[in-house]
């Protein structure tokens, strides 16, 4: 029996059909917005999430960092969850690239609530960094794959609008949230200013993420992508893999969730494992894959 590598949902390889789509991709110079396959991917994702425009980038980290850069000014503060990808796994990018600081909040299974965010919003005072952006992560990786209740996203969004704050969704695993809940990407995306979605995790493409937002946001993001070294030329060969994944692999995430539950149920109760497939923590309204 071949071993199964469970280190990450990024340990995937393109299927033969995806490789064929990559090999046959029509390409152009994407720095000049002339790559037809990239353009098609961007248009499709923008429509899928209900945003005006979208931008193909090399990674989820790049997408998140561009979103932070276009949504803040130097010296301001970004509210994140303590176990979030942005705080833990993006190499201090907000400070290095955008000269902003992060204000992490610890939350049950990574799911922030309005009250905890309001508690850390800075008062108007010259001694204090001003809060400019809130970032949420759905699904939350280090939260055990926890999924934001839609009402929580809506409540956070309304609070941000009332206080003049921007809201970014790290939706690297948004496809999983939708597969688990039956909700559409637009159900979540309508409540945020920008969002990132990824193709190199459960969807199995070799590379790539997309940042979506308004036309103005994406125009600025296009320039920031160039500044960050992310301008790519005949990159339709990569976008083709992402397109294939969107067309053919999203529905299969339901099977992934069923297999993950079977594994959790098999591990439950075994010596050395602390796995409870039905653990709802202290927030039973959080959706659980499977």
C-alpha atoms as a PDB file:
ATOM      1  CA  UNK A   1       0.000   0.000   0.000  1.00  0.00           C
ATOM      2  CA  UNK A   2       1.328   3.438  -0.926  1.00  0.00           C
ATOM      3  CA  UNK A   3       1.708   5.827   2.034  1.00  0.00           C
ATOM      4  CA  UNK A   4      -0.602   8.846   2.227  1.00  0.00           C
ATOM      5  CA  UNK A   5       1.094  12.192   2.897  1.00  0.00           C
ATOM      6  CA  UNK A   6      -1.116  14.173   5.264  1.00  0.00           C
ATOM      7  CA  UNK A   7       1.255  17.043   6.028  1.00  0.00           C
ATOM      8  CA  UNK A   8      -0.862  19.517   4.087  1.00  0.00           C
ATOM      9  CA  UNK A   9      -3.554  19.844   1.446  1.00  0.00           C
ATOM     10  CA  UNK A  10      -0.813  21.418  -0.674  1.00  0.00           C
ATOM     11  CA  UNK A  11       0.817  18.000  -1.176  1.00  0.00           C
ATOM     12  CA  UNK A  12      -0.981  17.443  -4.461  1.00  0.00           C
ATOM     13  CA  UNK A  13       0.099  16.829  -8.038  1.00  0.00           C
ATOM     14  CA  UNK A  14      -1.617  17.770 -11.301  1.00  0.00           C
ATOM     15  CA  UNK A  15      -3.736  15.063 -12.880  1.00  0.00           C
ATOM     16  CA  UNK A  16      -2.879  13.932 -16.416  1.00  0.00           C
ATOM     17  CA  UNK A  17      -5.867  15.923 -17.673  1.00  0.00           C
ATOM     18  CA  UNK A  18      -4.656  19.055 -15.901  1.00  0.00           C
ATOM     19  CA  UNK A  19      -1.187  18.573 -17.376  1.00  0.00           C
ATOM     20  CA  UNK A  20      -2.749  18.373 -20.810  1.00  0.00           C
ATOM     21  CA  UNK A  21      -4.656  21.622 -20.222  1.00  0.00           C
ATOM     22  CA  UNK A  22      -1.415  23.272 -19.091  1.00  0.00           C
ATOM     23  CA  UNK A  23       0.473  22.027 -22.140  1.00  0.00           C
ATOM     24  CA  UNK A  24      -2.189  23.330 -24.523  1.00  0.00           C
ATOM     25  CA  UNK A  25      -2.728  26.704 -22.853  1.00  0.00           C
ATOM     26  CA  UNK A  26      -2.877  29.801 -25.017  1.00  0.00           C
ATOM     27  CA  UNK A  27      -0.432  32.371 -23.632  1.00  0.00           C
ATOM     28  CA  UNK A  28       0.587  36.009 -23.925  1.00  0.00           C
ATOM     29  CA  UNK A  29       2.474  38.597 -21.873  1.00  0.00           C
ATOM     30  CA  UNK A  30       0.548  38.998 -18.630  1.00  0.00           C
ATOM     31  CA  UNK A  31       2.559  42.045 -17.495  1.00  0.00           C
ATOM     32  CA  UNK A  32       0.798  43.817 -20.370  1.00  0.00           C
ATOM     33  CA  UNK A  33      -2.477  42.010 -19.519  1.00  0.00           C
ATOM     34  CA  UNK A  34      -2.168  40.163 -22.828  1.00  0.00           C
ATOM     35  CA  UNK A  35      -2.357  36.561 -21.638  1.00  0.00           C
ATOM     36  CA  UNK A  36      -5.804  35.271 -22.671  1.00  0.00           C
ATOM     37  CA  UNK A  37      -5.793  32.325 -20.268  1.00  0.00           C
ATOM     38  CA  UNK A  38      -4.930  34.533 -17.298  1.00  0.00           C
ATOM     39  CA  UNK A  39      -7.567  37.043 -18.349  1.00  0.00           C
ATOM     40  CA  UNK A  40     -10.169  34.301 -18.570  1.00  0.00           C
ATOM     41  CA  UNK A  41      -9.252  33.006 -15.114  1.00  0.00           C
ATOM     42  CA  UNK A  42      -9.454  36.494 -13.602  1.00  0.00           C
ATOM     43  CA  UNK A  43     -12.812  37.215 -15.233  1.00  0.00           C
ATOM     44  CA  UNK A  44     -14.220  33.871 -14.167  1.00  0.00           C
ATOM     45  CA  UNK A  45     -13.123  34.201 -10.545  1.00  0.00           C
ATOM     46  CA  UNK A  46     -14.384  37.797 -10.339  1.00  0.00           C
ATOM     47  CA  UNK A  47     -17.796  36.626 -11.519  1.00  0.00           C
ATOM     48  CA  UNK A  48     -17.711  33.562  -9.261  1.00  0.00           C
ATOM     49  CA  UNK A  49     -17.136  35.659  -6.129  1.00  0.00           C
ATOM     50  CA  UNK A  50     -19.228  38.624  -7.262  1.00  0.00           C
ATOM     51  CA  UNK A  51     -16.458  41.223  -7.454  1.00  0.00           C
ATOM     52  CA  UNK A  52     -15.678  43.746 -10.176  1.00  0.00           C
ATOM     53  CA  UNK A  53     -12.175  42.502 -10.974  1.00  0.00           C
ATOM     54  CA  UNK A  54      -9.496  40.006 -10.003  1.00  0.00           C
ATOM     55  CA  UNK A  55      -5.738  39.521 -10.280  1.00  0.00           C
ATOM     56  CA  UNK A  56      -3.762  36.282 -10.665  1.00  0.00           C
ATOM     57  CA  UNK A  57      -0.721  36.068  -8.371  1.00  0.00           C
ATOM     58  CA  UNK A  58       1.873  33.462  -7.514  1.00  0.00           C
ATOM     59  CA  UNK A  59       0.688  32.566  -4.008  1.00  0.00           C
ATOM     60  CA  UNK A  60      -1.807  33.160  -1.243  1.00  0.00           C
ATOM     61  CA  UNK A  61       0.855  35.004   0.717  1.00  0.00           C
ATOM     62  CA  UNK A  62       1.383  37.426  -2.157  1.00  0.00           C
ATOM     63  CA  UNK A  63      -2.355  37.913  -2.491  1.00  0.00           C
ATOM     64  CA  UNK A  64      -2.787  38.646   1.216  1.00  0.00           C
ATOM     65  CA  UNK A  65       0.192  40.984   1.314  1.00  0.00           C
ATOM     66  CA  UNK A  66      -1.007  42.948  -1.695  1.00  0.00           C
ATOM     67  CA  UNK A  67      -4.446  43.241  -0.097  1.00  0.00           C
ATOM     68  CA  UNK A  68      -2.898  44.574   3.108  1.00  0.00           C
ATOM     69  CA  UNK A  69      -0.756  47.036   1.166  1.00  0.00           C
ATOM     70  CA  UNK A  70      -3.622  48.553  -0.820  1.00  0.00           C
ATOM     71  CA  UNK A  71      -5.914  48.701   2.232  1.00  0.00           C
ATOM     72  CA  UNK A  72      -3.630  50.458   4.722  1.00  0.00           C
ATOM     73  CA  UNK A  73      -1.288  53.374   5.135  1.00  0.00           C
ATOM     74  CA  UNK A  74       2.124  53.236   6.795  1.00  0.00           C
ATOM     75  CA  UNK A  75       2.086  53.170  10.563  1.00  0.00           C
ATOM     76  CA  UNK A  76      -1.464  51.888  10.918  1.00  0.00           C
ATOM     77  CA  UNK A  77      -2.589  48.654  12.548  1.00  0.00           C
ATOM     78  CA  UNK A  78      -4.239  45.500  11.184  1.00  0.00           C
ATOM     79  CA  UNK A  79      -6.435  43.294  13.384  1.00  0.00           C
ATOM     80  CA  UNK A  80      -5.924  39.547  12.812  1.00  0.00           C
ATOM     81  CA  UNK A  81      -6.537  36.313  14.696  1.00  0.00           C
ATOM     82  CA  UNK A  82      -3.527  35.036  16.646  1.00  0.00           C
ATOM     83  CA  UNK A  83      -3.350  31.704  14.807  1.00  0.00           C
ATOM     84  CA  UNK A  84      -4.015  33.146  11.376  1.00  0.00           C
ATOM     85  CA  UNK A  85      -1.844  32.463   8.341  1.00  0.00           C
ATOM     86  CA  UNK A  86      -1.106  36.177   7.938  1.00  0.00           C
ATOM     87  CA  UNK A  87       0.299  36.432  11.465  1.00  0.00           C
ATOM     88  CA  UNK A  88       2.189  33.141  11.580  1.00  0.00           C
ATOM     89  CA  UNK A  89       3.255  32.091   8.101  1.00  0.00           C
ATOM     90  CA  UNK A  90       3.889  35.146   5.954  1.00  0.00           C
ATOM     91  CA  UNK A  91       7.373  36.024   7.204  1.00  0.00           C
ATOM     92  CA  UNK A  92       6.501  39.352   8.792  1.00  0.00           C
ATOM     93  CA  UNK A  93       5.278  40.632   5.432  1.00  0.00           C
ATOM     94  CA  UNK A  94       2.993  43.394   6.751  1.00  0.00           C
ATOM     95  CA  UNK A  95       5.882  45.072   8.588  1.00  0.00           C
ATOM     96  CA  UNK A  96       8.430  44.409   5.845  1.00  0.00           C
ATOM     97  CA  UNK A  97       6.325  45.331   2.817  1.00  0.00           C
ATOM     98  CA  UNK A  98       3.691  47.764   4.094  1.00  0.00           C
ATOM     99  CA  UNK A  99       5.162  49.171   7.304  1.00  0.00           C
ATOM    100  CA  UNK A 100       2.097  48.335   9.345  1.00  0.00           C
ATOM    101  CA  UNK A 101       1.835  46.366  12.558  1.00  0.00           C
ATOM    102  CA  UNK A 102      -0.486  43.499  13.373  1.00  0.00           C
ATOM    103  CA  UNK A 103      -2.740  43.306  16.414  1.00  0.00           C
ATOM    104  CA  UNK A 104      -3.450  39.596  16.980  1.00  0.00           C
ATOM    105  CA  UNK A 105      -6.472  38.400  18.967  1.00  0.00           C
ATOM    106  CA  UNK A 106      -6.835  34.850  20.229  1.00  0.00           C
ATOM    107  CA  UNK A 107     -10.234  33.372  19.345  1.00  0.00           C
ATOM    108  CA  UNK A 108     -11.937  30.004  19.774  1.00  0.00           C
ATOM    109  CA  UNK A 109     -10.912  27.910  16.740  1.00  0.00           C
ATOM    110  CA  UNK A 110      -9.799  31.102  14.990  1.00  0.00           C
ATOM    111  CA  UNK A 111     -13.248  32.640  14.629  1.00  0.00           C
ATOM    112  CA  UNK A 112     -13.265  36.316  15.606  1.00  0.00           C
ATOM    113  CA  UNK A 113     -16.401  38.040  16.867  1.00  0.00           C
ATOM    114  CA  UNK A 114     -17.402  41.673  16.647  1.00  0.00           C
ATOM    115  CA  UNK A 115     -16.920  42.368  20.349  1.00  0.00           C
ATOM    116  CA  UNK A 116     -13.321  41.144  20.424  1.00  0.00           C
ATOM    117  CA  UNK A 117     -12.452  43.291  17.425  1.00  0.00           C
ATOM    118  CA  UNK A 118     -14.161  46.397  18.805  1.00  0.00           C
ATOM    119  CA  UNK A 119     -12.236  45.973  22.054  1.00  0.00           C
ATOM    120  CA  UNK A 120      -8.897  46.484  20.262  1.00  0.00           C
ATOM    121  CA  UNK A 121      -9.830  49.232  17.797  1.00  0.00           C
ATOM    122  CA  UNK A 122      -7.595  52.158  18.647  1.00  0.00           C
ATOM    123  CA  UNK A 123      -8.930  55.447  19.967  1.00  0.00           C
ATOM    124  CA  UNK A 124      -8.140  58.603  18.037  1.00  0.00           C
ATOM    125  CA  UNK A 125      -4.915  59.563  19.736  1.00  0.00           C
ATOM    126  CA  UNK A 126      -1.586  60.697  18.316  1.00  0.00           C
ATOM    127  CA  UNK A 127       0.177  58.250  20.635  1.00  0.00           C
ATOM    128  CA  UNK A 128      -1.567  55.242  19.104  1.00  0.00           C
ATOM    129  CA  UNK A 129      -1.397  53.478  15.754  1.00  0.00           C
ATOM    130  CA  UNK A 130      -4.757  53.823  14.028  1.00  0.00           C
ATOM    131  CA  UNK A 131      -6.691  50.703  13.103  1.00  0.00           C
ATOM    132  CA  UNK A 132      -7.136  50.486   9.325  1.00  0.00           C
ATOM    133  CA  UNK A 133      -7.959  46.886   8.392  1.00  0.00           C
ATOM    134  CA  UNK A 134      -9.426  43.661   9.748  1.00  0.00           C
ATOM    135  CA  UNK A 135      -8.428  40.285   8.244  1.00  0.00           C
ATOM    136  CA  UNK A 136     -10.362  37.050   8.687  1.00  0.00           C
ATOM    137  CA  UNK A 137      -9.507  33.543   7.471  1.00  0.00           C
ATOM    138  CA  UNK A 138     -12.101  31.105   6.111  1.00  0.00           C
ATOM    139  CA  UNK A 139     -11.629  28.221   6.534  1.00  0.00           C
ATOM    140  CA  UNK A 140      -9.219  28.728   9.403  1.00  0.00           C
ATOM    141  CA  UNK A 141      -6.235  26.428   8.969  1.00  0.00           C
ATOM    142  CA  UNK A 142      -4.883  26.367  12.529  1.00  0.00           C
ATOM    143  CA  UNK A 143      -8.447  26.424  13.827  1.00  0.00           C
ATOM    144  CA  UNK A 144      -8.841  22.860  12.627  1.00  0.00           C
ATOM    145  CA  UNK A 145     -10.584  23.829   9.426  1.00  0.00           C
ATOM    146  CA  UNK A 146     -13.267  25.837  11.246  1.00  0.00           C
ATOM    147  CA  UNK A 147     -15.634  27.797   9.036  1.00  0.00           C
ATOM    148  CA  UNK A 148     -16.941  31.273   9.788  1.00  0.00           C
ATOM    149  CA  UNK A 149     -20.691  31.365  10.335  1.00  0.00           C
ATOM    150  CA  UNK A 150     -22.057  33.650   7.636  1.00  0.00           C
ATOM    151  CA  UNK A 151     -23.803  35.812  10.227  1.00  0.00           C
ATOM    152  CA  UNK A 152     -20.445  36.427  11.926  1.00  0.00           C
ATOM    153  CA  UNK A 153     -18.897  37.596   8.656  1.00  0.00           C
ATOM    154  CA  UNK A 154     -21.867  39.875   8.063  1.00  0.00           C
ATOM    155  CA  UNK A 155     -21.685  41.345  11.565  1.00  0.00           C
ATOM    156  CA  UNK A 156     -17.943  42.004  11.294  1.00  0.00           C
ATOM    157  CA  UNK A 157     -18.493  43.605   7.894  1.00  0.00           C
ATOM    158  CA  UNK A 158     -21.190  45.940   9.201  1.00  0.00           C
ATOM    159  CA  UNK A 159     -19.002  46.969  12.119  1.00  0.00           C
ATOM    160  CA  UNK A 160     -16.072  47.689   9.789  1.00  0.00           C
ATOM    161  CA  UNK A 161     -18.215  49.829   7.515  1.00  0.00           C
ATOM    162  CA  UNK A 162     -19.603  51.770  10.449  1.00  0.00           C
ATOM    163  CA  UNK A 163     -16.084  52.499  11.692  1.00  0.00           C
ATOM    164  CA  UNK A 164     -14.462  53.190   8.322  1.00  0.00           C
ATOM    165  CA  UNK A 165     -12.304  50.043   8.375  1.00  0.00           C
ATOM    166  CA  UNK A 166     -11.482  47.774   5.479  1.00  0.00           C
ATOM    167  CA  UNK A 167     -12.145  44.023   5.652  1.00  0.00           C
ATOM    168  CA  UNK A 168     -10.057  41.366   3.879  1.00  0.00           C
ATOM    169  CA  UNK A 169     -10.877  37.666   3.651  1.00  0.00           C
ATOM    170  CA  UNK A 170      -8.029  35.182   3.402  1.00  0.00           C
ATOM    171  CA  UNK A 171     -10.123  32.642   1.522  1.00  0.00           C
ATOM    172  CA  UNK A 172      -7.328  30.250   0.607  1.00  0.00           C
ATOM    173  CA  UNK A 173      -9.739  27.467   1.570  1.00  0.00           C
ATOM    174  CA  UNK A 174     -12.989  29.274   0.783  1.00  0.00           C
ATOM    175  CA  UNK A 175     -13.803  26.486  -1.663  1.00  0.00           C
ATOM    176  CA  UNK A 176     -13.797  24.080   1.300  1.00  0.00           C
ATOM    177  CA  UNK A 177     -16.105  26.353   3.285  1.00  0.00           C
ATOM    178  CA  UNK A 178     -18.557  26.361   0.399  1.00  0.00           C
ATOM    179  CA  UNK A 179     -18.317  22.608  -0.125  1.00  0.00           C
ATOM    180  CA  UNK A 180     -19.023  21.994   3.558  1.00  0.00           C
ATOM    181  CA  UNK A 181     -21.912  24.433   3.969  1.00  0.00           C
ATOM    182  CA  UNK A 182     -23.552  24.524   0.555  1.00  0.00           C
ATOM    183  CA  UNK A 183     -23.101  28.294   0.469  1.00  0.00           C
ATOM    184  CA  UNK A 184     -21.793  30.113  -2.596  1.00  0.00           C
ATOM    185  CA  UNK A 185     -18.548  32.120  -2.717  1.00  0.00           C
ATOM    186  CA  UNK A 186     -20.649  35.256  -3.234  1.00  0.00           C
ATOM    187  CA  UNK A 187     -22.419  34.650   0.072  1.00  0.00           C
ATOM    188  CA  UNK A 188     -19.152  35.334   1.877  1.00  0.00           C
ATOM    189  CA  UNK A 189     -17.514  37.686  -0.617  1.00  0.00           C
ATOM    190  CA  UNK A 190     -20.315  40.242  -0.644  1.00  0.00           C
ATOM    191  CA  UNK A 191     -19.412  41.208   2.916  1.00  0.00           C
ATOM    192  CA  UNK A 192     -15.688  41.910   2.387  1.00  0.00           C
ATOM    193  CA  UNK A 193     -13.717  44.521   0.462  1.00  0.00           C
ATOM    194  CA  UNK A 194     -11.080  42.132  -0.866  1.00  0.00           C
ATOM    195  CA  UNK A 195     -10.597  38.398  -0.794  1.00  0.00           C
ATOM    196  CA  UNK A 196      -7.978  35.892  -1.782  1.00  0.00           C
ATOM    197  CA  UNK A 197      -8.737  32.426  -3.162  1.00  0.00           C
ATOM    198  CA  UNK A 198      -6.220  29.675  -3.839  1.00  0.00           C
ATOM    199  CA  UNK A 199      -5.884  26.848  -6.370  1.00  0.00           C
ATOM    200  CA  UNK A 200      -2.819  24.955  -5.102  1.00  0.00           C
ATOM    201  CA  UNK A 201      -4.427  23.390  -2.044  1.00  0.00           C
ATOM    202  CA  UNK A 202      -7.434  21.102  -2.189  1.00  0.00           C
ATOM    203  CA  UNK A 203      -8.066  21.899  -5.860  1.00  0.00           C
ATOM    204  CA  UNK A 204      -4.738  20.392  -6.858  1.00  0.00           C
ATOM    205  CA  UNK A 205      -3.299  23.030  -9.214  1.00  0.00           C
ATOM    206  CA  UNK A 206       0.495  23.431  -9.036  1.00  0.00           C
ATOM    207  CA  UNK A 207       0.504  27.152  -8.240  1.00  0.00           C
ATOM    208  CA  UNK A 208      -1.523  30.298  -7.950  1.00  0.00           C
ATOM    209  CA  UNK A 209      -4.044  32.464  -6.124  1.00  0.00           C
ATOM    210  CA  UNK A 210      -6.362  35.285  -7.146  1.00  0.00           C
ATOM    211  CA  UNK A 211      -7.109  38.553  -5.351  1.00  0.00           C
ATOM    212  CA  UNK A 212     -10.555  39.998  -6.032  1.00  0.00           C
ATOM    213  CA  UNK A 213     -12.066  43.408  -5.310  1.00  0.00           C
ATOM    214  CA  UNK A 214     -13.196  46.598  -7.001  1.00  0.00           C
ATOM    215  CA  UNK A 215     -11.732  47.846 -10.269  1.00  0.00           C
ATOM    216  CA  UNK A 216      -9.792  50.506  -8.330  1.00  0.00           C
ATOM    217  CA  UNK A 217      -8.477  47.960  -5.817  1.00  0.00           C
ATOM    218  CA  UNK A 218      -7.259  45.613  -8.535  1.00  0.00           C
ATOM    219  CA  UNK A 219      -5.668  48.421 -10.559  1.00  0.00           C
ATOM    220  CA  UNK A 220      -3.617  49.303  -7.482  1.00  0.00           C
ATOM    221  CA  UNK A 221      -2.970  45.628  -6.799  1.00  0.00           C
ATOM    222  CA  UNK A 222      -1.612  45.180 -10.341  1.00  0.00           C
ATOM    223  CA  UNK A 223       0.999  47.853  -9.667  1.00  0.00           C
ATOM    224  CA  UNK A 224       1.856  46.421  -6.233  1.00  0.00           C
ATOM    225  CA  UNK A 225       2.269  42.958  -7.751  1.00  0.00           C
ATOM    226  CA  UNK A 226       4.922  44.410 -10.039  1.00  0.00           C
ATOM    227  CA  UNK A 227       6.649  46.138  -7.097  1.00  0.00           C
ATOM    228  CA  UNK A 228       6.678  42.869  -5.126  1.00  0.00           C
ATOM    229  CA  UNK A 229       8.350  41.073  -8.029  1.00  0.00           C
ATOM    230  CA  UNK A 230       5.227  39.232  -9.089  1.00  0.00           C
ATOM    231  CA  UNK A 231       4.904  40.447 -12.671  1.00  0.00           C
ATOM    232  CA  UNK A 232       4.752  37.290 -14.787  1.00  0.00           C
ATOM    233  CA  UNK A 233       5.006  36.875 -18.549  1.00  0.00           C
ATOM    234  CA  UNK A 234       3.601  33.846 -20.406  1.00  0.00           C
ATOM    235  CA  UNK A 235       1.892  32.617 -17.280  1.00  0.00           C
ATOM    236  CA  UNK A 236      -1.165  31.164 -18.966  1.00  0.00           C
ATOM    237  CA  UNK A 237       0.447  27.754 -18.542  1.00  0.00           C
ATOM    238  CA  UNK A 238      -0.108  28.180 -14.777  1.00  0.00           C
ATOM    239  CA  UNK A 239      -3.500  29.843 -15.035  1.00  0.00           C
ATOM    240  CA  UNK A 240      -4.642  26.901 -17.167  1.00  0.00           C
ATOM    241  CA  UNK A 241      -4.067  24.566 -14.225  1.00  0.00           C
ATOM    242  CA  UNK A 242      -6.134  26.826 -11.981  1.00  0.00           C
ATOM    243  CA  UNK A 243      -8.915  27.015 -14.569  1.00  0.00           C
ATOM    244  CA  UNK A 244      -8.978  23.248 -14.904  1.00  0.00           C
ATOM    245  CA  UNK A 245      -9.151  22.896 -11.136  1.00  0.00           C
ATOM    246  CA  UNK A 246     -12.094  25.282 -10.897  1.00  0.00           C
ATOM    247  CA  UNK A 247     -13.967  23.435 -13.629  1.00  0.00           C
ATOM    248  CA  UNK A 248     -13.283  19.896 -12.474  1.00  0.00           C
ATOM    249  CA  UNK A 249     -12.134  19.648  -8.861  1.00  0.00           C
ATOM    250  CA  UNK A 250     -14.357  21.846  -6.697  1.00  0.00           C
ATOM    251  CA  UNK A 251     -17.124  19.276  -6.388  1.00  0.00           C
ATOM    252  CA  UNK A 252     -14.575  16.642  -5.328  1.00  0.00           C
ATOM    253  CA  UNK A 253     -13.872  18.612  -2.140  1.00  0.00           C
ATOM    254  CA  UNK A 254     -17.002  17.013  -0.712  1.00  0.00           C
ATOM    255  CA  UNK A 255     -15.263  13.641  -1.076  1.00  0.00           C
ATOM    256  CA  UNK A 256     -12.187  15.051   0.668  1.00  0.00           C
ATOM    257  CA  UNK A 257     -14.353  16.102   3.604  1.00  0.00           C
ATOM    258  CA  UNK A 258     -15.972  12.677   3.827  1.00  0.00           C
ATOM    259  CA  UNK A 259     -12.555  11.007   3.807  1.00  0.00           C
ATOM    260  CA  UNK A 260     -11.269  13.414   6.462  1.00  0.00           C
ATOM    261  CA  UNK A 261     -14.222  12.537   8.710  1.00  0.00           C
ATOM    262  CA  UNK A 262     -13.606   8.823   8.221  1.00  0.00           C
ATOM    263  CA  UNK A 263      -9.985   9.326   9.239  1.00  0.00           C
ATOM    264  CA  UNK A 264     -10.994  11.357  12.302  1.00  0.00           C
ATOM    265  CA  UNK A 265     -13.507   8.712  13.329  1.00  0.00           C
ATOM    266  CA  UNK A 266     -10.872   6.000  12.906  1.00  0.00           C
ATOM    267  CA  UNK A 267      -8.347   7.898  15.019  1.00  0.00           C
ATOM    268  CA  UNK A 268     -10.873   8.831  17.696  1.00  0.00           C
ATOM    269  CA  UNK A 269     -10.182   6.931  20.879  1.00  0.00           C
ATOM    270  CA  UNK A 270      -6.887   5.441  19.763  1.00  0.00           C
ATOM    271  CA  UNK A 271      -4.017   5.775  22.249  1.00  0.00           C
ATOM    272  CA  UNK A 272      -1.851   8.792  21.519  1.00  0.00           C
ATOM    273  CA  UNK A 273      -4.510  10.664  19.554  1.00  0.00           C
ATOM    274  CA  UNK A 274      -6.793  13.465  20.730  1.00  0.00           C
ATOM    275  CA  UNK A 275      -9.331  13.597  17.925  1.00  0.00           C
ATOM    276  CA  UNK A 276     -13.046  14.225  18.313  1.00  0.00           C
ATOM    277  CA  UNK A 277     -14.868  14.544  14.966  1.00  0.00           C
ATOM    278  CA  UNK A 278     -17.877  16.115  16.686  1.00  0.00           C
ATOM    279  CA  UNK A 279     -15.998  18.562  18.908  1.00  0.00           C
ATOM    280  CA  UNK A 280     -17.879  21.837  18.700  1.00  0.00           C
ATOM    281  CA  UNK A 281     -15.706  23.665  21.209  1.00  0.00           C
ATOM    282  CA  UNK A 282     -17.577  26.614  22.726  1.00  0.00           C
ATOM    283  CA  UNK A 283     -19.051  27.812  19.435  1.00  0.00           C
ATOM    284  CA  UNK A 284     -21.528  25.204  18.181  1.00  0.00           C
ATOM    285  CA  UNK A 285     -22.622  27.487  15.348  1.00  0.00           C
ATOM    286  CA  UNK A 286     -19.278  26.966  13.585  1.00  0.00           C
ATOM    287  CA  UNK A 287     -19.721  24.691  10.593  1.00  0.00           C
ATOM    288  CA  UNK A 288     -17.619  21.525  10.507  1.00  0.00           C
ATOM    289  CA  UNK A 289     -16.552  19.922   7.215  1.00  0.00           C
ATOM    290  CA  UNK A 290     -18.316  16.609   6.740  1.00  0.00           C
END
